[in-house]
């Protein structure tokens, strides 16, 4: 087998491998499920750390206030997402009704 033919076959295999990697990491529906599960875990963590943001008194907030400088950007996005009840209920409903 000559060198150009081997290079062409290696490039074809590399393209196939790259296409499969792209599909598996970015386009596959499981990617969205993993992203939603990670967001749910983040929501639960933030609610456990900062329940007083929604009027739930908790002594934990006193101790977790030290985390606030590190979570400022995430906190603002989380608070907006939690106050938007329509989107939250829709998203949770999608988990059970396909």
PDB file of N, CA and C in Angstrom:
ATOM      1  N   UNK A   1       0.851  -1.167   0.000  1.00  0.00           N
ATOM      2  CA  UNK A   1       0.000   0.000   0.000  1.00  0.00           C
ATOM      3  C   UNK A   1       0.901   1.236   0.000  1.00  0.00           C
ATOM      4  N   UNK A   2       0.625   2.153  -0.914  1.00  0.00           N
ATOM      5  CA  UNK A   2       1.475   3.331  -1.015  1.00  0.00           C
ATOM      6  C   UNK A   2       1.097   4.372   0.035  1.00  0.00           C
ATOM      7  N   UNK A   3       1.970   5.322   0.253  1.00  0.00           N
ATOM      8  CA  UNK A   3       1.834   6.315   1.314  1.00  0.00           C
ATOM      9  C   UNK A   3       0.591   7.198   1.153  1.00  0.00           C
ATOM     10  N   UNK A   4       0.283   7.761  -0.033  1.00  0.00           N
ATOM     11  CA  UNK A   4      -0.925   8.594  -0.149  1.00  0.00           C
ATOM     12  C   UNK A   4      -2.211   7.833   0.185  1.00  0.00           C
ATOM     13  N   UNK A   5      -2.278   6.565  -0.183  1.00  0.00           N
ATOM     14  CA  UNK A   5      -3.472   5.778   0.119  1.00  0.00           C
ATOM     15  C   UNK A   5      -3.594   5.560   1.622  1.00  0.00           C
ATOM     16  N   UNK A   6      -2.479   5.321   2.306  1.00  0.00           N
ATOM     17  CA  UNK A   6      -2.505   5.144   3.769  1.00  0.00           C
ATOM     18  C   UNK A   6      -2.925   6.436   4.461  1.00  0.00           C
ATOM     19  N   UNK A   7      -2.422   7.567   3.956  1.00  0.00           N
ATOM     20  CA  UNK A   7      -2.783   8.861   4.543  1.00  0.00           C
ATOM     21  C   UNK A   7      -4.266   9.121   4.360  1.00  0.00           C
ATOM     22  N   UNK A   8      -4.792   8.820   3.176  1.00  0.00           N
ATOM     23  CA  UNK A   8      -6.220   9.007   2.923  1.00  0.00           C
ATOM     24  C   UNK A   8      -7.063   8.132   3.848  1.00  0.00           C
ATOM     25  N   UNK A   9      -6.658   6.891   4.049  1.00  0.00           N
ATOM     26  CA  UNK A   9      -7.427   6.009   4.924  1.00  0.00           C
ATOM     27  C   UNK A   9      -7.346   6.475   6.380  1.00  0.00           C
ATOM     28  N   UNK A  10      -6.183   6.964   6.797  1.00  0.00           N
ATOM     29  CA  UNK A  10      -6.053   7.491   8.163  1.00  0.00           C
ATOM     30  C   UNK A  10      -6.904   8.741   8.346  1.00  0.00           C
ATOM     31  N   UNK A  11      -6.934   9.613   7.343  1.00  0.00           N
ATOM     32  CA  UNK A  11      -7.777  10.807   7.429  1.00  0.00           C
ATOM     33  C   UNK A  11      -9.246  10.444   7.478  1.00  0.00           C
ATOM     34  N   UNK A  12      -9.657   9.439   6.719  1.00  0.00           N
ATOM     35  CA  UNK A  12     -11.059   8.998   6.748  1.00  0.00           C
ATOM     36  C   UNK A  12     -11.415   8.454   8.129  1.00  0.00           C
ATOM     37  N   UNK A  13     -10.519   7.674   8.710  1.00  0.00           N
ATOM     38  CA  UNK A  13     -10.769   7.151  10.057  1.00  0.00           C
ATOM     39  C   UNK A  13     -10.802   8.269  11.084  1.00  0.00           C
ATOM     40  N   UNK A  14      -9.931   9.253  10.944  1.00  0.00           N
ATOM     41  CA  UNK A  14      -9.897  10.382  11.861  1.00  0.00           C
ATOM     42  C   UNK A  14     -11.178  11.203  11.765  1.00  0.00           C
ATOM     43  N   UNK A  15     -11.683  11.421  10.548  1.00  0.00           N
ATOM     44  CA  UNK A  15     -12.945  12.143  10.365  1.00  0.00           C
ATOM     45  C   UNK A  15     -14.099  11.395  11.018  1.00  0.00           C
ATOM     46  N   UNK A  16     -14.131  10.091  10.841  1.00  0.00           N
ATOM     47  CA  UNK A  16     -15.175   9.273  11.445  1.00  0.00           C
ATOM     48  C   UNK A  16     -15.099   9.342  12.968  1.00  0.00           C
ATOM     49  N   UNK A  17     -13.901   9.257  13.500  1.00  0.00           N
ATOM     50  CA  UNK A  17     -13.708   9.335  14.950  1.00  0.00           C
ATOM     51  C   UNK A  17     -14.132  10.703  15.474  1.00  0.00           C
ATOM     52  N   UNK A  18     -13.748  11.789  14.784  1.00  0.00           N
ATOM     53  CA  UNK A  18     -14.094  13.148  15.206  1.00  0.00           C
ATOM     54  C   UNK A  18     -15.605  13.366  15.138  1.00  0.00           C
ATOM     55  N   UNK A  19     -16.253  12.821  14.105  1.00  0.00           N
ATOM     56  CA  UNK A  19     -17.703  12.949  13.987  1.00  0.00           C
ATOM     57  C   UNK A  19     -18.403  12.232  15.146  1.00  0.00           C
ATOM     58  N   UNK A  20     -17.913  11.061  15.498  1.00  0.00           N
ATOM     59  CA  UNK A  20     -18.486  10.329  16.626  1.00  0.00           C
ATOM     60  C   UNK A  20     -18.248  11.034  17.942  1.00  0.00           C
ATOM     61  N   UNK A  21     -17.080  11.617  18.117  1.00  0.00           N
ATOM     62  CA  UNK A  21     -16.776  12.368  19.337  1.00  0.00           C
ATOM     63  C   UNK A  21     -17.684  13.577  19.457  1.00  0.00           C
ATOM     64  N   UNK A  22     -17.854  14.314  18.368  1.00  0.00           N
ATOM     65  CA  UNK A  22     -18.734  15.485  18.374  1.00  0.00           C
ATOM     66  C   UNK A  22     -20.167  15.085  18.703  1.00  0.00           C
ATOM     67  N   UNK A  23     -20.629  14.024  18.081  1.00  0.00           N
ATOM     68  CA  UNK A  23     -21.999  13.566  18.334  1.00  0.00           C
ATOM     69  C   UNK A  23     -22.167  13.139  19.787  1.00  0.00           C
ATOM     70  N   UNK A  24     -21.198  12.422  20.313  1.00  0.00           N
ATOM     71  CA  UNK A  24     -21.306  11.919  21.674  1.00  0.00           C
ATOM     72  C   UNK A  24     -21.198  12.992  22.733  1.00  0.00           C
ATOM     73  N   UNK A  25     -20.420  14.024  22.470  1.00  0.00           N
ATOM     74  CA  UNK A  25     -20.193  15.034  23.493  1.00  0.00           C
ATOM     75  C   UNK A  25     -21.115  16.239  23.382  1.00  0.00           C
ATOM     76  N   UNK A  26     -21.609  16.544  22.197  1.00  0.00           N
ATOM     77  CA  UNK A  26     -22.336  17.796  22.025  1.00  0.00           C
ATOM     78  C   UNK A  26     -23.754  17.605  21.495  1.00  0.00           C
ATOM     79  N   UNK A  27     -23.938  16.761  20.508  1.00  0.00           N
ATOM     80  CA  UNK A  27     -25.239  16.659  19.866  1.00  0.00           C
ATOM     81  C   UNK A  27     -26.145  15.601  20.466  1.00  0.00           C
ATOM     82  N   UNK A  28     -25.622  14.656  21.165  1.00  0.00           N
ATOM     83  CA  UNK A  28     -26.416  13.539  21.669  1.00  0.00           C
ATOM     84  C   UNK A  28     -27.420  14.032  22.709  1.00  0.00           C
ATOM     85  N   UNK A  29     -28.642  13.499  22.714  1.00  0.00           N
ATOM     86  CA  UNK A  29     -29.652  13.925  23.685  1.00  0.00           C
ATOM     87  C   UNK A  29     -29.230  13.712  25.143  1.00  0.00           C
ATOM     88  N   UNK A  30     -28.350  12.774  25.380  1.00  0.00           N
ATOM     89  CA  UNK A  30     -27.905  12.547  26.758  1.00  0.00           C
ATOM     90  C   UNK A  30     -27.151  13.756  27.291  1.00  0.00           C
ATOM     91  N   UNK A  31     -26.530  14.517  26.411  1.00  0.00           N
ATOM     92  CA  UNK A  31     -25.814  15.724  26.829  1.00  0.00           C
ATOM     93  C   UNK A  31     -26.778  16.696  27.497  1.00  0.00           C
ATOM     94  N   UNK A  32     -27.961  16.876  26.918  1.00  0.00           N
ATOM     95  CA  UNK A  32     -28.965  17.764  27.508  1.00  0.00           C
ATOM     96  C   UNK A  32     -29.436  17.236  28.850  1.00  0.00           C
ATOM     97  N   UNK A  33     -29.618  15.932  28.951  1.00  0.00           N
ATOM     98  CA  UNK A  33     -30.040  15.349  30.227  1.00  0.00           C
ATOM     99  C   UNK A  33     -28.983  15.551  31.303  1.00  0.00           C
ATOM    100  N   UNK A  34     -27.734  15.388  30.950  1.00  0.00           N
ATOM    101  CA  UNK A  34     -26.652  15.598  31.911  1.00  0.00           C
ATOM    102  C   UNK A  34     -26.597  17.061  32.327  1.00  0.00           C
ATOM    103  N   UNK A  35     -26.791  17.954  31.374  1.00  0.00           N
ATOM    104  CA  UNK A  35     -26.776  19.383  31.672  1.00  0.00           C
ATOM    105  C   UNK A  35     -27.925  19.753  32.611  1.00  0.00           C
ATOM    106  N   UNK A  36     -29.113  19.212  32.374  1.00  0.00           N
ATOM    107  CA  UNK A  36     -30.263  19.486  33.247  1.00  0.00           C
ATOM    108  C   UNK A  36     -30.043  18.907  34.641  1.00  0.00           C
ATOM    109  N   UNK A  37     -29.476  17.708  34.717  1.00  0.00           N
ATOM    110  CA  UNK A  37     -29.206  17.098  36.023  1.00  0.00           C
ATOM    111  C   UNK A  37     -28.189  17.919  36.804  1.00  0.00           C
ATOM    112  N   UNK A  38     -27.175  18.431  36.128  1.00  0.00           N
ATOM    113  CA  UNK A  38     -26.178  19.270  36.795  1.00  0.00           C
ATOM    114  C   UNK A  38     -26.812  20.569  37.283  1.00  0.00           C
ATOM    115  N   UNK A  39     -27.709  21.136  36.488  1.00  0.00           N
ATOM    116  CA  UNK A  39     -28.392  22.361  36.897  1.00  0.00           C
ATOM    117  C   UNK A  39     -29.296  22.102  38.099  1.00  0.00           C
ATOM    118  N   UNK A  40     -29.967  20.958  38.120  1.00  0.00           N
ATOM    119  CA  UNK A  40     -30.799  20.607  39.267  1.00  0.00           C
ATOM    120  C   UNK A  40     -29.963  20.460  40.536  1.00  0.00           C
ATOM    121  N   UNK A  41     -28.800  19.830  40.419  1.00  0.00           N
ATOM    122  CA  UNK A  41     -27.915  19.702  41.582  1.00  0.00           C
ATOM    123  C   UNK A  41     -27.432  21.062  42.059  1.00  0.00           C
ATOM    124  N   UNK A  42     -27.127  21.934  41.125  1.00  0.00           N
ATOM    125  CA  UNK A  42     -26.704  23.284  41.503  1.00  0.00           C
ATOM    126  C   UNK A  42     -27.836  24.024  42.210  1.00  0.00           C
ATOM    127  N   UNK A  43     -29.067  23.876  41.701  1.00  0.00           N
ATOM    128  CA  UNK A  43     -30.216  24.512  42.338  1.00  0.00           C
ATOM    129  C   UNK A  43     -30.404  24.012  43.767  1.00  0.00           C
ATOM    130  N   UNK A  44     -30.280  22.716  43.957  1.00  0.00           N
ATOM    131  CA  UNK A  44     -30.441  22.152  45.298  1.00  0.00           C
ATOM    132  C   UNK A  44     -29.353  22.638  46.242  1.00  0.00           C
ATOM    133  N   UNK A  45     -28.120  22.716  45.755  1.00  0.00           N
ATOM    134  CA  UNK A  45     -27.020  23.202  46.580  1.00  0.00           C
ATOM    135  C   UNK A  45     -27.241  24.653  46.983  1.00  0.00           C
ATOM    136  N   UNK A  46     -27.622  25.477  46.009  1.00  0.00           N
ATOM    137  CA  UNK A  46     -27.835  26.900  46.304  1.00  0.00           C
ATOM    138  C   UNK A  46     -29.008  27.100  47.260  1.00  0.00           C
ATOM    139  N   UNK A  47     -30.065  26.324  47.093  1.00  0.00           N
ATOM    140  CA  UNK A  47     -31.205  26.446  47.998  1.00  0.00           C
ATOM    141  C   UNK A  47     -30.835  25.991  49.402  1.00  0.00           C
ATOM    142  N   UNK A  48     -30.004  24.972  49.518  1.00  0.00           N
ATOM    143  CA  UNK A  48     -29.564  24.512  50.838  1.00  0.00           C
ATOM    144  C   UNK A  48     -28.648  25.540  51.501  1.00  0.00           C
ATOM    145  N   UNK A  49     -27.860  26.248  50.702  1.00  0.00           N
ATOM    146  CA  UNK A  49     -26.926  27.230  51.257  1.00  0.00           C
ATOM    147  C   UNK A  49     -27.580  28.582  51.536  1.00  0.00           C
ATOM    148  N   UNK A  50     -28.526  28.992  50.707  1.00  0.00           N
ATOM    149  CA  UNK A  50     -29.118  30.327  50.826  1.00  0.00           C
ATOM    150  C   UNK A  50     -30.645  30.278  50.852  1.00  0.00           C
ATOM    151  N   UNK A  51     -31.242  29.593  51.819  1.00  0.00           N
ATOM    152  CA  UNK A  51     -32.708  29.524  51.848  1.00  0.00           C
ATOM    153  C   UNK A  51     -33.357  30.858  52.194  1.00  0.00           C
ATOM    154  N   UNK A  52     -32.624  31.745  52.881  1.00  0.00           N
ATOM    155  CA  UNK A  52     -33.212  33.024  53.267  1.00  0.00           C
ATOM    156  C   UNK A  52     -33.462  33.934  52.066  1.00  0.00           C
ATOM    157  N   UNK A  53     -32.912  33.619  50.911  1.00  0.00           N
ATOM    158  CA  UNK A  53     -33.175  34.390  49.693  1.00  0.00           C
ATOM    159  C   UNK A  53     -34.638  34.265  49.287  1.00  0.00           C
ATOM    160  N   UNK A  54     -35.309  33.233  49.766  1.00  0.00           N
ATOM    161  CA  UNK A  54     -36.727  33.018  49.457  1.00  0.00           C
ATOM    162  C   UNK A  54     -37.605  33.050  50.699  1.00  0.00           C
ATOM    163  N   UNK A  55     -37.073  33.615  51.777  1.00  0.00           N
ATOM    164  CA  UNK A  55     -37.867  33.786  52.985  1.00  0.00           C
ATOM    165  C   UNK A  55     -37.932  32.563  53.868  1.00  0.00           C
ATOM    166  N   UNK A  56     -37.065  31.623  53.681  1.00  0.00           N
ATOM    167  CA  UNK A  56     -37.028  30.433  54.527  1.00  0.00           C
ATOM    168  C   UNK A  56     -35.929  30.640  55.565  1.00  0.00           C
ATOM    169  N   UNK A  57     -36.301  30.877  56.826  1.00  0.00           N
ATOM    170  CA  UNK A  57     -35.267  31.130  57.822  1.00  0.00           C
ATOM    171  C   UNK A  57     -34.422  29.874  58.084  1.00  0.00           C
ATOM    172  N   UNK A  58     -33.124  30.073  58.155  1.00  0.00           N
ATOM    173  CA  UNK A  58     -32.241  28.954  58.391  1.00  0.00           C
ATOM    174  C   UNK A  58     -30.926  29.465  58.978  1.00  0.00           C
ATOM    175  N   UNK A  59     -30.427  28.805  60.018  1.00  0.00           N
ATOM    176  CA  UNK A  59     -29.135  29.219  60.585  1.00  0.00           C
ATOM    177  C   UNK A  59     -27.955  28.878  59.670  1.00  0.00           C
ATOM    178  N   UNK A  60     -28.182  28.023  58.688  1.00  0.00           N
ATOM    179  CA  UNK A  60     -27.122  27.640  57.766  1.00  0.00           C
ATOM    180  C   UNK A  60     -26.637  28.845  56.965  1.00  0.00           C
ATOM    181  N   UNK A  61     -27.522  29.779  56.679  1.00  0.00           N
ATOM    182  CA  UNK A  61     -27.176  30.942  55.871  1.00  0.00           C
ATOM    183  C   UNK A  61     -26.056  31.762  56.498  1.00  0.00           C
ATOM    184  N   UNK A  62     -26.009  31.780  57.821  1.00  0.00           N
ATOM    185  CA  UNK A  62     -24.947  32.528  58.511  1.00  0.00           C
ATOM    186  C   UNK A  62     -23.575  31.957  58.165  1.00  0.00           C
ATOM    187  N   UNK A  63     -23.486  30.651  58.086  1.00  0.00           N
ATOM    188  CA  UNK A  63     -22.206  30.002  57.817  1.00  0.00           C
ATOM    189  C   UNK A  63     -21.859  29.962  56.324  1.00  0.00           C
ATOM    190  N   UNK A  64     -22.876  29.896  55.497  1.00  0.00           N
ATOM    191  CA  UNK A  64     -22.616  29.827  54.053  1.00  0.00           C
ATOM    192  C   UNK A  64     -22.464  31.205  53.424  1.00  0.00           C
ATOM    193  N   UNK A  65     -22.644  32.267  54.192  1.00  0.00           N
ATOM    194  CA  UNK A  65     -22.469  33.622  53.655  1.00  0.00           C
ATOM    195  C   UNK A  65     -21.036  33.835  53.174  1.00  0.00           C
ATOM    196  N   UNK A  66     -20.099  33.085  53.725  1.00  0.00           N
ATOM    197  CA  UNK A  66     -18.703  33.198  53.289  1.00  0.00           C
ATOM    198  C   UNK A  66     -18.512  32.723  51.851  1.00  0.00           C
ATOM    199  N   UNK A  67     -19.419  31.888  51.350  1.00  0.00           N
ATOM    200  CA  UNK A  67     -19.326  31.391  49.971  1.00  0.00           C
ATOM    201  C   UNK A  67     -19.821  32.402  48.946  1.00  0.00           C
ATOM    202  N   UNK A  68     -20.585  33.381  49.402  1.00  0.00           N
ATOM    203  CA  UNK A  68     -21.234  34.310  48.477  1.00  0.00           C
ATOM    204  C   UNK A  68     -20.270  35.029  47.530  1.00  0.00           C
ATOM    205  N   UNK A  69     -19.096  35.491  47.962  1.00  0.00           N
ATOM    206  CA  UNK A  69     -18.201  36.130  46.989  1.00  0.00           C
ATOM    207  C   UNK A  69     -17.769  35.193  45.848  1.00  0.00           C
ATOM    208  N   UNK A  70     -17.700  33.913  46.126  1.00  0.00           N
ATOM    209  CA  UNK A  70     -17.285  32.958  45.102  1.00  0.00           C
ATOM    210  C   UNK A  70     -18.441  32.550  44.187  1.00  0.00           C
ATOM    211  N   UNK A  71     -19.651  32.719  44.668  1.00  0.00           N
ATOM    212  CA  UNK A  71     -20.828  32.270  43.923  1.00  0.00           C
ATOM    213  C   UNK A  71     -21.703  33.418  43.433  1.00  0.00           C
ATOM    214  N   UNK A  72     -21.182  34.635  43.390  1.00  0.00           N
ATOM    215  CA  UNK A  72     -21.992  35.802  43.052  1.00  0.00           C
ATOM    216  C   UNK A  72     -22.662  35.673  41.692  1.00  0.00           C
ATOM    217  N   UNK A  73     -21.900  35.346  40.662  1.00  0.00           N
ATOM    218  CA  UNK A  73     -22.492  35.233  39.321  1.00  0.00           C
ATOM    219  C   UNK A  73     -23.518  34.108  39.269  1.00  0.00           C
ATOM    220  N   UNK A  74     -23.187  32.974  39.841  1.00  0.00           N
ATOM    221  CA  UNK A  74     -24.110  31.839  39.868  1.00  0.00           C
ATOM    222  C   UNK A  74     -25.345  32.162  40.698  1.00  0.00           C
ATOM    223  N   UNK A  75     -25.154  32.902  41.790  1.00  0.00           N
ATOM    224  CA  UNK A  75     -26.266  33.226  42.684  1.00  0.00           C
ATOM    225  C   UNK A  75     -27.305  34.083  41.971  1.00  0.00           C
ATOM    226  N   UNK A  76     -26.859  35.091  41.238  1.00  0.00           N
ATOM    227  CA  UNK A  76     -27.804  35.969  40.542  1.00  0.00           C
ATOM    228  C   UNK A  76     -28.587  35.208  39.483  1.00  0.00           C
ATOM    229  N   UNK A  77     -27.923  34.366  38.719  1.00  0.00           N
ATOM    230  CA  UNK A  77     -28.605  33.573  37.694  1.00  0.00           C
ATOM    231  C   UNK A  77     -29.569  32.585  38.335  1.00  0.00           C
ATOM    232  N   UNK A  78     -29.151  31.964  39.430  1.00  0.00           N
ATOM    233  CA  UNK A  78     -30.006  31.013  40.126  1.00  0.00           C
ATOM    234  C   UNK A  78     -31.248  31.704  40.682  1.00  0.00           C
ATOM    235  N   UNK A  79     -31.055  32.884  41.280  1.00  0.00           N
ATOM    236  CA  UNK A  79     -32.187  33.600  41.861  1.00  0.00           C
ATOM    237  C   UNK A  79     -33.193  33.995  40.784  1.00  0.00           C
ATOM    238  N   UNK A  80     -32.709  34.465  39.628  1.00  0.00           N
ATOM    239  CA  UNK A  80     -33.625  34.801  38.520  1.00  0.00           C
ATOM    240  C   UNK A  80     -34.375  33.566  38.047  1.00  0.00           C
ATOM    241  N   UNK A  81     -33.672  32.445  37.947  1.00  0.00           N
ATOM    242  CA  UNK A  81     -34.300  31.209  37.474  1.00  0.00           C
ATOM    243  C   UNK A  81     -35.354  30.715  38.467  1.00  0.00           C
ATOM    244  N   UNK A  82     -35.085  30.848  39.753  1.00  0.00           N
ATOM    245  CA  UNK A  82     -36.035  30.372  40.746  1.00  0.00           C
ATOM    246  C   UNK A  82     -37.265  31.266  40.834  1.00  0.00           C
ATOM    247  N   UNK A  83     -37.097  32.576  40.635  1.00  0.00           N
ATOM    248  CA  UNK A  83     -38.247  33.476  40.707  1.00  0.00           C
ATOM    249  C   UNK A  83     -39.121  33.355  39.468  1.00  0.00           C
ATOM    250  N   UNK A  84     -38.589  32.855  38.371  1.00  0.00           N
ATOM    251  CA  UNK A  84     -39.373  32.653  37.157  1.00  0.00           C
ATOM    252  C   UNK A  84     -40.087  31.307  37.278  1.00  0.00           C
ATOM    253  N   UNK A  85     -41.173  31.298  38.000  1.00  0.00           N
ATOM    254  CA  UNK A  85     -41.843  30.039  38.345  1.00  0.00           C
ATOM    255  C   UNK A  85     -42.408  29.307  37.129  1.00  0.00           C
ATOM    256  N   UNK A  86     -42.845  30.046  36.119  1.00  0.00           N
ATOM    257  CA  UNK A  86     -43.404  29.383  34.935  1.00  0.00           C
ATOM    258  C   UNK A  86     -42.379  28.483  34.273  1.00  0.00           C
ATOM    259  N   UNK A  87     -41.179  28.997  34.079  1.00  0.00           N
ATOM    260  CA  UNK A  87     -40.170  28.179  33.407  1.00  0.00           C
ATOM    261  C   UNK A  87     -39.732  27.019  34.299  1.00  0.00           C
ATOM    262  N   UNK A  88     -39.683  27.242  35.609  1.00  0.00           N
ATOM    263  CA  UNK A  88     -39.286  26.175  36.530  1.00  0.00           C
ATOM    264  C   UNK A  88     -40.304  25.039  36.510  1.00  0.00           C
ATOM    265  N   UNK A  89     -41.584  25.382  36.561  1.00  0.00           N
ATOM    266  CA  UNK A  89     -42.639  24.356  36.555  1.00  0.00           C
ATOM    267  C   UNK A  89     -42.667  23.633  35.214  1.00  0.00           C
ATOM    268  N   UNK A  90     -42.494  24.380  34.124  1.00  0.00           N
ATOM    269  CA  UNK A  90     -42.457  23.747  32.801  1.00  0.00           C
ATOM    270  C   UNK A  90     -41.300  22.759  32.706  1.00  0.00           C
ATOM    271  N   UNK A  91     -40.141  23.176  33.187  1.00  0.00           N
ATOM    272  CA  UNK A  91     -38.957  22.325  33.080  1.00  0.00           C
ATOM    273  C   UNK A  91     -39.094  21.075  33.934  1.00  0.00           C
ATOM    274  N   UNK A  92     -39.629  21.231  35.126  1.00  0.00           N
ATOM    275  CA  UNK A  92     -39.822  20.061  35.986  1.00  0.00           C
ATOM    276  C   UNK A  92     -40.901  19.149  35.408  1.00  0.00           C
ATOM    277  N   UNK A  93     -41.916  19.728  34.782  1.00  0.00           N
ATOM    278  CA  UNK A  93     -42.954  18.925  34.167  1.00  0.00           C
ATOM    279  C   UNK A  93     -42.453  18.136  32.968  1.00  0.00           C
ATOM    280  N   UNK A  94     -41.466  18.681  32.256  1.00  0.00           N
ATOM    281  CA  UNK A  94     -40.898  17.979  31.111  1.00  0.00           C
ATOM    282  C   UNK A  94     -40.192  16.701  31.522  1.00  0.00           C
ATOM    283  N   UNK A  95     -39.720  16.646  32.751  1.00  0.00           N
ATOM    284  CA  UNK A  95     -39.024  15.448  33.202  1.00  0.00           C
ATOM    285  C   UNK A  95     -39.965  14.252  33.286  1.00  0.00           C
ATOM    286  N   UNK A  96     -41.245  14.525  33.542  1.00  0.00           N
ATOM    287  CA  UNK A  96     -42.191  13.421  33.754  1.00  0.00           C
ATOM    288  C   UNK A  96     -43.127  13.197  32.589  1.00  0.00           C
ATOM    289  N   UNK A  97     -43.245  14.168  31.681  1.00  0.00           N
ATOM    290  CA  UNK A  97     -44.108  14.033  30.516  1.00  0.00           C
ATOM    291  C   UNK A  97     -43.264  14.210  29.273  1.00  0.00           C
ATOM    292  N   UNK A  98     -43.023  13.137  28.577  1.00  0.00           N
ATOM    293  CA  UNK A  98     -42.132  13.175  27.421  1.00  0.00           C
ATOM    294  C   UNK A  98     -42.856  13.634  26.213  1.00  0.00           C
TER     295      UNK A  98
END
